[in-house]
Amino acid sequence: MSDLKEKSRKEISDLMIENSALMAKVDDKRERDLIRQLRRDLDEQKRRSNELLGEATDLRRERDLLKMEKNEVTLQLTRDLEESRSLKR
């Protein structure tokens, strides 16, 4: 009887150890899947960030060109106005 109890305890102990090892394996797989997903998300965010930075750079260039055009138009209008005034004198 005592042998049977001891054998049963040992078997239960072995099963618990095996169960713990399997649970650790499952957790490890979940963590690896989570890490993979996080890396994909990070790569996607980096790509999106780069796209937005490129778009912002393009918009800045366009803004600067428009400012230069505005300045040129203003200068030309000022010159034309001065020329018109000098012709009237």
Protein backbone atom coordinates (compact mmCIF):
# COMPACT_ATOMS: atom_id res chain seq x y z
CA MET A 1 0.00 0.00 0.00
CA SER A 2 2.79 2.35 0.94
CA ASP A 3 4.56 1.50 -2.31
CA LEU A 4 1.42 2.31 -4.27
CA LYS A 5 1.09 5.72 -2.53
CA GLU A 6 4.76 6.50 -3.16
CA LYS A 7 4.46 5.47 -6.80
CA SER A 8 1.35 7.60 -7.16
CA ARG A 9 3.04 10.62 -5.56
CA LYS A 10 6.07 10.22 -7.82
CA GLU A 11 3.84 9.96 -10.88
CA ILE A 12 1.88 13.05 -9.82
CA SER A 13 5.13 14.90 -9.19
CA ASP A 14 6.47 13.91 -12.61
CA LEU A 15 3.23 15.00 -14.27
CA MET A 16 3.34 18.34 -12.48
CA ILE A 17 6.94 18.90 -13.62
CA GLU A 18 5.99 17.96 -17.18
CA ASN A 19 2.94 20.23 -16.98
CA SER A 20 5.12 23.13 -15.79
CA ALA A 21 7.58 22.57 -18.63
CA LEU A 22 4.76 22.49 -21.18
CA MET A 23 3.20 25.64 -19.74
CA ALA A 24 6.57 27.39 -19.95
CA LYS A 25 6.86 26.27 -23.57
CA VAL A 26 3.39 27.63 -24.38
CA ASP A 27 4.16 30.93 -22.64
CA ASP A 28 7.45 31.15 -24.53
CA LYS A 29 5.64 30.61 -27.84
CA ARG A 30 3.08 33.28 -26.95
CA GLU A 31 5.86 35.67 -26.05
CA ARG A 32 7.64 34.97 -29.32
CA ASP A 33 4.42 35.57 -31.24
CA LEU A 34 3.86 38.77 -29.31
CA ILE A 35 7.41 39.93 -29.98
CA ARG A 36 6.97 39.16 -33.70
CA GLN A 37 3.74 41.15 -33.78
CA LEU A 38 5.33 44.06 -31.90
CA ARG A 39 8.22 44.10 -34.37
CA ARG A 40 5.79 44.16 -37.31
CA ASP A 41 3.90 47.00 -35.64
CA LEU A 42 7.14 48.88 -35.01
CA ASP A 43 8.23 48.46 -38.64
CA GLU A 44 4.83 49.69 -39.82
CA GLN A 45 5.04 52.73 -37.54
CA LYS A 46 8.57 53.50 -38.75
CA ARG A 47 7.40 53.26 -42.37
CA ARG A 48 4.44 55.52 -41.68
CA SER A 49 6.64 57.97 -39.81
CA ASN A 50 9.06 58.13 -42.74
CA GLU A 51 6.17 58.74 -45.14
CA LEU A 52 4.87 61.56 -42.96
CA LEU A 53 8.34 63.10 -42.66
CA GLY A 54 8.70 62.97 -46.44
CA GLU A 55 5.31 64.57 -46.87
CA ALA A 56 6.18 67.29 -44.35
CA THR A 57 9.44 67.98 -46.20
CA ASP A 58 7.56 68.26 -49.50
CA LEU A 59 5.06 70.65 -47.94
CA ARG A 60 7.88 72.80 -46.52
CA ARG A 61 9.52 72.99 -49.95
CA GLU A 62 6.23 73.95 -51.54
CA ARG A 63 5.65 76.59 -48.85
CA ASP A 64 9.12 78.03 -49.37
CA LEU A 65 8.61 78.16 -53.14
CA LEU A 66 5.30 79.95 -52.68
CA LYS A 67 6.94 82.45 -50.32
CA MET A 68 9.64 83.12 -52.91
CA GLU A 69 7.03 83.58 -55.64
CA LYS A 70 5.08 85.94 -53.40
CA ASN A 71 8.22 87.96 -52.70
CA GLU A 72 9.02 88.14 -56.41
CA VAL A 73 5.49 89.29 -57.22
CA THR A 74 5.62 91.87 -54.42
CA LEU A 75 8.98 93.15 -55.67
CA GLN A 76 7.70 93.35 -59.24
CA LEU A 77 4.57 95.21 -58.13
CA THR A 78 6.70 97.62 -56.09
CA ARG A 79 8.98 98.24 -59.09
CA ASP A 80 5.99 98.75 -61.37
CA LEU A 81 4.42 101.16 -58.90
CA GLU A 82 7.65 103.14 -58.56
CA GLU A 83 8.05 103.23 -62.33
CA SER A 84 4.48 104.41 -62.74
CA ARG A 85 4.98 107.14 -60.15
CA SER A 86 8.21 108.31 -61.76
CA LEU A 87 6.54 108.49 -65.18
CA LYS A 88 3.77 110.69 -63.74
CA ARG A 89 6.31 113.19 -62.37
